[in-house]
Amino acid sequence: MRLHLSTWTEVETYLQQSTGIIIPIGSTEQHGPTGAIGTDAICAEAVAEAVGKAAQALVAPTINVGMALHHTGFPGTISLRPSTMILVIRDYITCLARSGFTKFFFINGHGGNIATLKAAYSETYAHLADLNIPNADRVECQTANWFMSGSVYRLAKELYGDREGSHATPSEVALTQYIYPETIKSTPLDEGNLSQERKILGAEDFRRRYPDGRMGSDPSLATPEHGKQFFDLAVKDLTAGYLEFLVSE
């Protein structure tokens, strides 16, 4: 059930059965020479919609732009500052909490969002308490990174080993290929860009260290068939995670 395709009366009826909602969040950022700029949002949205169907949960509209300032040295990247993203998350949750939602399960597709999401939850809890919204003390948020679920992580290591890397990875590119096969690119990749340094100081530093946008990854290994495997595993893991989250105190 997708929030933006529902009526307010359908949402009101849903709230009589559940106060949980799934919120996909990703990023609009470069993913190397062969990865779609919308990869992180595309993957999060597809997984979230499938988890919603499996768990009979309401799925909110995708937050397509995240914290990707370190990618802004590449054309096409759009980013929120951490402070802006915190306010966006806070306002999303506040509006939904006013309606009666208390369990917010963010399915995330971008590693750069993780720290800001954690800060946003703390900001939101304090904000809701100040507003004296009913059940504010019952509001709880959780981040589920599809790419870090146990089954997905193990398959990526099995298929790609060290060539999975940490950005523009074959696993996320494969999932995007499965969802949108028309986006498959076959641009030759520079073998010399497989080094993976962890420290990044900003957009210019990122572009200097990783000229084509990848971080130790070899997305040429990706296939739509791999993407289907990742999709199925992520949906299974995150459906279980969401259902556990609903009953947690």
C-alpha atoms as a PDB file:
ATOM      1  CA  MET A   1       0.000   0.000   0.000  1.00  0.00           C
ATOM      2  CA  ARG A   2       1.588   3.250  -1.135  1.00  0.00           C
ATOM      3  CA  LEU A   3       0.757   6.422   0.740  1.00  0.00           C
ATOM      4  CA  HIS A   4       0.702   8.701  -2.287  1.00  0.00           C
ATOM      5  CA  LEU A   5      -1.750   6.393  -4.100  1.00  0.00           C
ATOM      6  CA  SER A   6      -4.076   6.119  -1.087  1.00  0.00           C
ATOM      7  CA  THR A   7      -6.892   8.338   0.115  1.00  0.00           C
ATOM      8  CA  TRP A   8      -6.918   9.885   3.561  1.00  0.00           C
ATOM      9  CA  THR A   9      -9.779   7.586   4.544  1.00  0.00           C
ATOM     10  CA  GLU A  10      -7.742   4.542   3.550  1.00  0.00           C
ATOM     11  CA  VAL A  11      -4.869   5.771   5.704  1.00  0.00           C
ATOM     12  CA  GLU A  12      -7.247   6.318   8.604  1.00  0.00           C
ATOM     13  CA  THR A  13      -8.491   2.753   8.248  1.00  0.00           C
ATOM     14  CA  TYR A  14      -4.911   1.454   8.055  1.00  0.00           C
ATOM     15  CA  LEU A  15      -4.064   3.204  11.327  1.00  0.00           C
ATOM     16  CA  GLN A  16      -6.741   1.191  13.078  1.00  0.00           C
ATOM     17  CA  GLN A  17      -4.675  -1.914  12.329  1.00  0.00           C
ATOM     18  CA  SER A  18      -1.085  -0.633  12.412  1.00  0.00           C
ATOM     19  CA  THR A  19       0.905   2.473  13.325  1.00  0.00           C
ATOM     20  CA  GLY A  20       3.948   1.383  11.338  1.00  0.00           C
ATOM     21  CA  ILE A  21       5.136   2.961   8.100  1.00  0.00           C
ATOM     22  CA  ILE A  22       8.074   2.298   5.778  1.00  0.00           C
ATOM     23  CA  ILE A  23       9.983   5.284   4.396  1.00  0.00           C
ATOM     24  CA  PRO A  24      12.426   4.654   1.522  1.00  0.00           C
ATOM     25  CA  ILE A  25      15.373   7.049   1.448  1.00  0.00           C
ATOM     26  CA  GLY A  26      18.264   7.217  -0.960  1.00  0.00           C
ATOM     27  CA  SER A  27      20.364   9.798  -2.749  1.00  0.00           C
ATOM     28  CA  THR A  28      20.799  11.462  -6.122  1.00  0.00           C
ATOM     29  CA  GLU A  29      24.525  11.177  -6.747  1.00  0.00           C
ATOM     30  CA  GLN A  30      27.120   9.945  -9.185  1.00  0.00           C
ATOM     31  CA  HIS A  31      27.766   6.204  -9.282  1.00  0.00           C
ATOM     32  CA  GLY A  32      30.781   6.020 -11.519  1.00  0.00           C
ATOM     33  CA  PRO A  33      30.790   5.763 -15.323  1.00  0.00           C
ATOM     34  CA  THR A  34      28.238   2.917 -15.456  1.00  0.00           C
ATOM     35  CA  GLY A  35      25.904   3.519 -12.518  1.00  0.00           C
ATOM     36  CA  ALA A  36      22.705   5.554 -12.640  1.00  0.00           C
ATOM     37  CA  ILE A  37      22.727   8.768 -10.618  1.00  0.00           C
ATOM     38  CA  GLY A  38      19.487   7.670  -8.947  1.00  0.00           C
ATOM     39  CA  THR A  39      20.842   4.246  -7.919  1.00  0.00           C
ATOM     40  CA  ASP A  40      20.481   4.703  -4.154  1.00  0.00           C
ATOM     41  CA  ALA A  41      16.896   5.969  -4.330  1.00  0.00           C
ATOM     42  CA  ILE A  42      15.904   3.423  -6.995  1.00  0.00           C
ATOM     43  CA  CYS A  43      17.142   0.502  -4.900  1.00  0.00           C
ATOM     44  CA  ALA A  44      15.615   1.748  -1.647  1.00  0.00           C
ATOM     45  CA  GLU A  45      12.245   2.396  -3.285  1.00  0.00           C
ATOM     46  CA  ALA A  46      12.018  -0.981  -5.015  1.00  0.00           C
ATOM     47  CA  VAL A  47      12.970  -2.902  -1.884  1.00  0.00           C
ATOM     48  CA  ALA A  48      10.629  -0.819   0.281  1.00  0.00           C
ATOM     49  CA  GLU A  49       7.638  -1.373  -1.988  1.00  0.00           C
ATOM     50  CA  ALA A  50       8.237  -5.126  -1.985  1.00  0.00           C
ATOM     51  CA  VAL A  51       8.657  -5.189   1.809  1.00  0.00           C
ATOM     52  CA  GLY A  52       5.441  -3.198   2.104  1.00  0.00           C
ATOM     53  CA  LYS A  53       3.558  -5.784   0.066  1.00  0.00           C
ATOM     54  CA  ALA A  54       5.033  -8.688   1.994  1.00  0.00           C
ATOM     55  CA  ALA A  55       4.357  -7.122   5.402  1.00  0.00           C
ATOM     56  CA  GLN A  56       1.066  -5.421   4.435  1.00  0.00           C
ATOM     57  CA  ALA A  57       2.618  -2.115   5.452  1.00  0.00           C
ATOM     58  CA  LEU A  58       2.075   1.420   4.239  1.00  0.00           C
ATOM     59  CA  VAL A  59       5.009   2.828   2.226  1.00  0.00           C
ATOM     60  CA  ALA A  60       5.643   6.580   2.200  1.00  0.00           C
ATOM     61  CA  PRO A  61       6.935   8.532  -0.812  1.00  0.00           C
ATOM     62  CA  THR A  62      10.652   8.068  -1.380  1.00  0.00           C
ATOM     63  CA  ILE A  63      13.078  10.705  -0.145  1.00  0.00           C
ATOM     64  CA  ASN A  64      15.225  10.826  -3.269  1.00  0.00           C
ATOM     65  CA  VAL A  65      17.830  13.376  -2.207  1.00  0.00           C
ATOM     66  CA  GLY A  66      20.095  12.668   0.743  1.00  0.00           C
ATOM     67  CA  MET A  67      23.435  13.756   2.202  1.00  0.00           C
ATOM     68  CA  ALA A  68      25.905  13.489  -0.680  1.00  0.00           C
ATOM     69  CA  LEU A  69      28.017  16.638  -0.433  1.00  0.00           C
ATOM     70  CA  HIS A  70      31.181  14.621  -1.053  1.00  0.00           C
ATOM     71  CA  HIS A  71      29.841  13.640  -4.501  1.00  0.00           C
ATOM     72  CA  THR A  72      29.041  17.159  -5.702  1.00  0.00           C
ATOM     73  CA  GLY A  73      32.278  17.351  -7.672  1.00  0.00           C
ATOM     74  CA  PHE A  74      30.541  15.205 -10.306  1.00  0.00           C
ATOM     75  CA  PRO A  75      27.833  16.665 -12.588  1.00  0.00           C
ATOM     76  CA  GLY A  76      24.266  15.646 -11.764  1.00  0.00           C
ATOM     77  CA  THR A  77      24.684  15.073  -8.044  1.00  0.00           C
ATOM     78  CA  ILE A  78      22.108  16.800  -5.821  1.00  0.00           C
ATOM     79  CA  SER A  79      22.665  16.915  -2.080  1.00  0.00           C
ATOM     80  CA  LEU A  80      21.106  18.219   1.113  1.00  0.00           C
ATOM     81  CA  ARG A  81      23.309  19.586   3.855  1.00  0.00           C
ATOM     82  CA  PRO A  82      23.118  17.461   7.020  1.00  0.00           C
ATOM     83  CA  SER A  83      21.253  20.268   8.813  1.00  0.00           C
ATOM     84  CA  THR A  84      18.696  20.468   5.992  1.00  0.00           C
ATOM     85  CA  MET A  85      18.219  16.721   5.878  1.00  0.00           C
ATOM     86  CA  ILE A  86      17.635  16.612   9.624  1.00  0.00           C
ATOM     87  CA  LEU A  87      14.808  19.128   9.240  1.00  0.00           C
ATOM     88  CA  VAL A  88      13.315  17.203   6.302  1.00  0.00           C
ATOM     89  CA  ILE A  89      13.274  13.964   8.310  1.00  0.00           C
ATOM     90  CA  ARG A  90      11.920  15.764  11.369  1.00  0.00           C
ATOM     91  CA  ASP A  91       9.070  17.306   9.388  1.00  0.00           C
ATOM     92  CA  TYR A  92       8.209  14.010   7.657  1.00  0.00           C
ATOM     93  CA  ILE A  93       7.960  12.218  10.981  1.00  0.00           C
ATOM     94  CA  THR A  94       6.157  15.057  12.762  1.00  0.00           C
ATOM     95  CA  CYS A  95       3.377  15.189  10.170  1.00  0.00           C
ATOM     96  CA  LEU A  96       2.907  11.429  10.236  1.00  0.00           C
ATOM     97  CA  ALA A  97       3.098  11.268  14.032  1.00  0.00           C
ATOM     98  CA  ARG A  98       0.278  13.812  14.240  1.00  0.00           C
ATOM     99  CA  SER A  99      -1.810  11.325  12.245  1.00  0.00           C
ATOM    100  CA  GLY A 100      -1.042   8.524  14.690  1.00  0.00           C
ATOM    101  CA  PHE A 101       1.997   6.752  13.258  1.00  0.00           C
ATOM    102  CA  THR A 102       4.552   5.686  15.862  1.00  0.00           C
ATOM    103  CA  LYS A 103       6.872   3.196  14.111  1.00  0.00           C
ATOM    104  CA  PHE A 104       9.060   4.650  11.345  1.00  0.00           C
ATOM    105  CA  PHE A 105      11.144   2.122   9.412  1.00  0.00           C
ATOM    106  CA  PHE A 106      13.559   3.857   7.028  1.00  0.00           C
ATOM    107  CA  ILE A 107      14.812   1.612   4.240  1.00  0.00           C
ATOM    108  CA  ASN A 108      18.045   3.308   3.239  1.00  0.00           C
ATOM    109  CA  GLY A 109      20.083   2.973   0.065  1.00  0.00           C
ATOM    110  CA  HIS A 110      22.948   5.386   0.789  1.00  0.00           C
ATOM    111  CA  GLY A 111      25.747   5.000   3.307  1.00  0.00           C
ATOM    112  CA  GLY A 112      26.185   8.768   3.501  1.00  0.00           C
ATOM    113  CA  ASN A 113      22.717   9.088   5.037  1.00  0.00           C
ATOM    114  CA  ILE A 114      23.381   6.896   8.062  1.00  0.00           C
ATOM    115  CA  ALA A 115      24.967   9.405  10.440  1.00  0.00           C
ATOM    116  CA  THR A 116      22.513  12.171   9.530  1.00  0.00           C
ATOM    117  CA  LEU A 117      19.522   9.860   9.988  1.00  0.00           C
ATOM    118  CA  LYS A 118      20.721   8.989  13.474  1.00  0.00           C
ATOM    119  CA  ALA A 119      21.028  12.678  14.350  1.00  0.00           C
ATOM    120  CA  ALA A 120      17.617  13.383  12.809  1.00  0.00           C
ATOM    121  CA  TYR A 121      15.947  10.800  15.027  1.00  0.00           C
ATOM    122  CA  SER A 122      17.348  12.438  18.169  1.00  0.00           C
ATOM    123  CA  GLU A 123      16.245  15.865  16.935  1.00  0.00           C
ATOM    124  CA  THR A 124      12.780  14.525  16.152  1.00  0.00           C
ATOM    125  CA  TYR A 125      12.224  12.836  19.515  1.00  0.00           C
ATOM    126  CA  ALA A 126      13.001  16.107  21.296  1.00  0.00           C
ATOM    127  CA  HIS A 127      10.849  18.111  18.875  1.00  0.00           C
ATOM    128  CA  LEU A 128       7.821  15.834  19.329  1.00  0.00           C
ATOM    129  CA  ALA A 129       8.145  16.026  23.096  1.00  0.00           C
ATOM    130  CA  ASP A 130       8.153  19.836  22.910  1.00  0.00           C
ATOM    131  CA  LEU A 131       4.984  19.780  20.789  1.00  0.00           C
ATOM    132  CA  ASN A 132       3.158  17.514  23.258  1.00  0.00           C
ATOM    133  CA  ILE A 133       1.865  15.340  20.416  1.00  0.00           C
ATOM    134  CA  PRO A 134      -0.156  12.379  21.749  1.00  0.00           C
ATOM    135  CA  ASN A 135       1.938   9.201  21.922  1.00  0.00           C
ATOM    136  CA  ALA A 136       5.122  11.195  21.262  1.00  0.00           C
ATOM    137  CA  ASP A 137       6.914   8.989  23.765  1.00  0.00           C
ATOM    138  CA  ARG A 138       6.011   5.930  21.679  1.00  0.00           C
ATOM    139  CA  VAL A 139       7.502   7.235  18.436  1.00  0.00           C
ATOM    140  CA  GLU A 140      10.467   5.120  17.355  1.00  0.00           C
ATOM    141  CA  CYS A 141      12.650   5.216  14.252  1.00  0.00           C
ATOM    142  CA  GLN A 142      14.911   2.569  12.791  1.00  0.00           C
ATOM    143  CA  THR A 143      17.262   2.515   9.825  1.00  0.00           C
ATOM    144  CA  ALA A 144      17.497  -0.611   7.666  1.00  0.00           C
ATOM    145  CA  ASN A 145      20.282  -0.407   5.080  1.00  0.00           C
ATOM    146  CA  TRP A 146      19.348  -2.919   2.387  1.00  0.00           C
ATOM    147  CA  PHE A 147      22.983  -3.247   1.256  1.00  0.00           C
ATOM    148  CA  MET A 148      24.116  -4.167   4.778  1.00  0.00           C
ATOM    149  CA  SER A 149      21.603  -6.918   5.474  1.00  0.00           C
ATOM    150  CA  GLY A 150      23.329 -10.178   6.334  1.00  0.00           C
ATOM    151  CA  SER A 151      22.243 -12.156   3.284  1.00  0.00           C
ATOM    152  CA  VAL A 152      23.032  -9.355   0.836  1.00  0.00           C
ATOM    153  CA  TYR A 153      26.466  -8.761   2.345  1.00  0.00           C
ATOM    154  CA  ARG A 154      27.360 -12.457   2.156  1.00  0.00           C
ATOM    155  CA  LEU A 155      26.244 -12.784  -1.469  1.00  0.00           C
ATOM    156  CA  ALA A 156      28.206  -9.680  -2.490  1.00  0.00           C
ATOM    157  CA  LYS A 157      31.356 -11.134  -0.950  1.00  0.00           C
ATOM    158  CA  GLU A 158      30.720 -14.483  -2.604  1.00  0.00           C
ATOM    159  CA  LEU A 159      30.158 -12.987  -6.060  1.00  0.00           C
ATOM    160  CA  TYR A 160      32.644 -10.117  -6.068  1.00  0.00           C
ATOM    161  CA  GLY A 161      35.110 -10.479  -3.193  1.00  0.00           C
ATOM    162  CA  ASP A 162      37.255  -7.367  -2.754  1.00  0.00           C
ATOM    163  CA  ARG A 163      35.904  -5.941  -6.018  1.00  0.00           C
ATOM    164  CA  GLU A 164      32.640  -5.094  -4.295  1.00  0.00           C
ATOM    165  CA  GLY A 165      34.352  -1.944  -3.015  1.00  0.00           C
ATOM    166  CA  SER A 166      32.373   0.687  -1.127  1.00  0.00           C
ATOM    167  CA  HIS A 167      30.835   2.981  -3.759  1.00  0.00           C
ATOM    168  CA  ALA A 168      29.346   2.324  -7.204  1.00  0.00           C
ATOM    169  CA  THR A 169      29.436  -1.293  -6.096  1.00  0.00           C
ATOM    170  CA  PRO A 170      28.513  -4.174  -8.398  1.00  0.00           C
ATOM    171  CA  SER A 171      25.771  -5.220  -5.950  1.00  0.00           C
ATOM    172  CA  GLU A 172      23.907  -1.908  -6.124  1.00  0.00           C
ATOM    173  CA  VAL A 173      24.505  -1.569  -9.856  1.00  0.00           C
ATOM    174  CA  ALA A 174      23.200  -5.119 -10.336  1.00  0.00           C
ATOM    175  CA  LEU A 175      20.038  -4.325  -8.395  1.00  0.00           C
ATOM    176  CA  THR A 176      19.493  -1.215 -10.514  1.00  0.00           C
ATOM    177  CA  GLN A 177      20.028  -3.286 -13.669  1.00  0.00           C
ATOM    178  CA  TYR A 178      17.364  -5.725 -12.484  1.00  0.00           C
ATOM    179  CA  ILE A 179      14.877  -2.929 -11.797  1.00  0.00           C
ATOM    180  CA  TYR A 180      15.715  -0.867 -14.912  1.00  0.00           C
ATOM    181  CA  PRO A 181      17.464  -3.111 -17.473  1.00  0.00           C
ATOM    182  CA  GLU A 182      17.451  -0.263 -19.964  1.00  0.00           C
ATOM    183  CA  THR A 183      20.041   1.552 -17.816  1.00  0.00           C
ATOM    184  CA  ILE A 184      22.780  -1.043 -18.365  1.00  0.00           C
ATOM    185  CA  LYS A 185      26.004   0.608 -19.540  1.00  0.00           C
ATOM    186  CA  SER A 186      29.136  -1.025 -20.922  1.00  0.00           C
ATOM    187  CA  THR A 187      31.684   1.797 -20.633  1.00  0.00           C
ATOM    188  CA  PRO A 188      35.279   0.496 -20.225  1.00  0.00           C
ATOM    189  CA  LEU A 189      36.540   0.991 -16.682  1.00  0.00           C
ATOM    190  CA  ASP A 190      40.000   2.034 -15.525  1.00  0.00           C
ATOM    191  CA  GLU A 191      41.590  -0.903 -13.696  1.00  0.00           C
ATOM    192  CA  GLY A 192      43.811   1.562 -11.886  1.00  0.00           C
ATOM    193  CA  ASN A 193      40.842   2.942  -9.965  1.00  0.00           C
ATOM    194  CA  LEU A 194      40.361  -0.145  -7.810  1.00  0.00           C
ATOM    195  CA  SER A 195      42.262   1.352  -4.892  1.00  0.00           C
ATOM    196  CA  GLN A 196      40.109   2.143  -1.875  1.00  0.00           C
ATOM    197  CA  GLU A 197      41.109   4.915   0.503  1.00  0.00           C
ATOM    198  CA  ARG A 198      38.627   5.580   3.288  1.00  0.00           C
ATOM    199  CA  LYS A 199      39.380   9.163   4.282  1.00  0.00           C
ATOM    200  CA  ILE A 200      37.480  11.784   2.260  1.00  0.00           C
ATOM    201  CA  LEU A 201      37.710  15.478   3.091  1.00  0.00           C
ATOM    202  CA  GLY A 202      35.149  16.873   0.637  1.00  0.00           C
ATOM    203  CA  ALA A 203      33.951  17.004  -2.957  1.00  0.00           C
ATOM    204  CA  GLU A 204      37.231  18.169  -4.511  1.00  0.00           C
ATOM    205  CA  ASP A 205      39.221  15.647  -2.507  1.00  0.00           C
ATOM    206  CA  PHE A 206      36.836  12.839  -3.569  1.00  0.00           C
ATOM    207  CA  ARG A 207      37.172  13.741  -7.267  1.00  0.00           C
ATOM    208  CA  ARG A 208      40.964  13.842  -6.936  1.00  0.00           C
ATOM    209  CA  ARG A 209      41.208  10.460  -5.200  1.00  0.00           C
ATOM    210  CA  TYR A 210      38.541   8.723  -7.296  1.00  0.00           C
ATOM    211  CA  PRO A 211      38.512  10.404 -10.726  1.00  0.00           C
ATOM    212  CA  ASP A 212      35.747   8.250 -12.246  1.00  0.00           C
ATOM    213  CA  GLY A 213      33.633   8.154  -9.064  1.00  0.00           C
ATOM    214  CA  ARG A 214      34.164   4.558  -7.949  1.00  0.00           C
ATOM    215  CA  MET A 215      35.638   3.537  -4.610  1.00  0.00           C
ATOM    216  CA  GLY A 216      37.466   0.235  -5.000  1.00  0.00           C
ATOM    217  CA  SER A 217      34.588  -1.315  -6.944  1.00  0.00           C
ATOM    218  CA  ASP A 218      34.247  -3.161 -10.241  1.00  0.00           C
ATOM    219  CA  PRO A 219      30.646  -2.655 -11.389  1.00  0.00           C
ATOM    220  CA  SER A 220      31.438  -4.409 -14.684  1.00  0.00           C
ATOM    221  CA  LEU A 221      30.815  -7.620 -12.706  1.00  0.00           C
ATOM    222  CA  ALA A 222      27.162  -6.710 -12.166  1.00  0.00           C
ATOM    223  CA  THR A 223      24.347  -8.521 -13.977  1.00  0.00           C
ATOM    224  CA  PRO A 224      20.546  -8.256 -13.782  1.00  0.00           C
ATOM    225  CA  GLU A 225      20.498 -11.892 -12.633  1.00  0.00           C
ATOM    226  CA  HIS A 226      22.674 -10.949  -9.663  1.00  0.00           C
ATOM    227  CA  GLY A 227      20.345  -8.026  -9.068  1.00  0.00           C
ATOM    228  CA  LYS A 228      17.354 -10.355  -8.774  1.00  0.00           C
ATOM    229  CA  GLN A 229      19.217 -12.390  -6.151  1.00  0.00           C
ATOM    230  CA  PHE A 230      20.087  -9.265  -4.156  1.00  0.00           C
ATOM    231  CA  PHE A 231      16.511  -8.026  -4.409  1.00  0.00           C
ATOM    232  CA  ASP A 232      14.989 -11.247  -3.117  1.00  0.00           C
ATOM    233  CA  LEU A 233      17.447 -11.482  -0.224  1.00  0.00           C
ATOM    234  CA  ALA A 234      17.025  -7.838   0.775  1.00  0.00           C
ATOM    235  CA  VAL A 235      13.227  -8.095   0.730  1.00  0.00           C
ATOM    236  CA  LYS A 236      13.301 -11.246   2.853  1.00  0.00           C
ATOM    237  CA  ASP A 237      15.721  -9.814   5.412  1.00  0.00           C
ATOM    238  CA  LEU A 238      14.050  -6.418   5.695  1.00  0.00           C
ATOM    239  CA  THR A 239      10.530  -7.824   5.864  1.00  0.00           C
ATOM    240  CA  ALA A 240      11.593  -9.853   8.866  1.00  0.00           C
ATOM    241  CA  GLY A 241      13.297  -6.786  10.313  1.00  0.00           C
ATOM    242  CA  TYR A 242      10.218  -4.624   9.883  1.00  0.00           C
ATOM    243  CA  LEU A 243       7.899  -7.151  11.503  1.00  0.00           C
ATOM    244  CA  GLU A 244      10.281  -7.482  14.462  1.00  0.00           C
ATOM    245  CA  PHE A 245      10.462  -3.701  14.745  1.00  0.00           C
ATOM    246  CA  LEU A 246       6.660  -3.434  14.924  1.00  0.00           C
ATOM    247  CA  VAL A 247       6.429  -5.573  18.028  1.00  0.00           C
ATOM    248  CA  SER A 248       9.532  -4.213  19.761  1.00  0.00           C
ATOM    249  CA  GLU A 249       9.127  -1.967  22.795  1.00  0.00           C
END
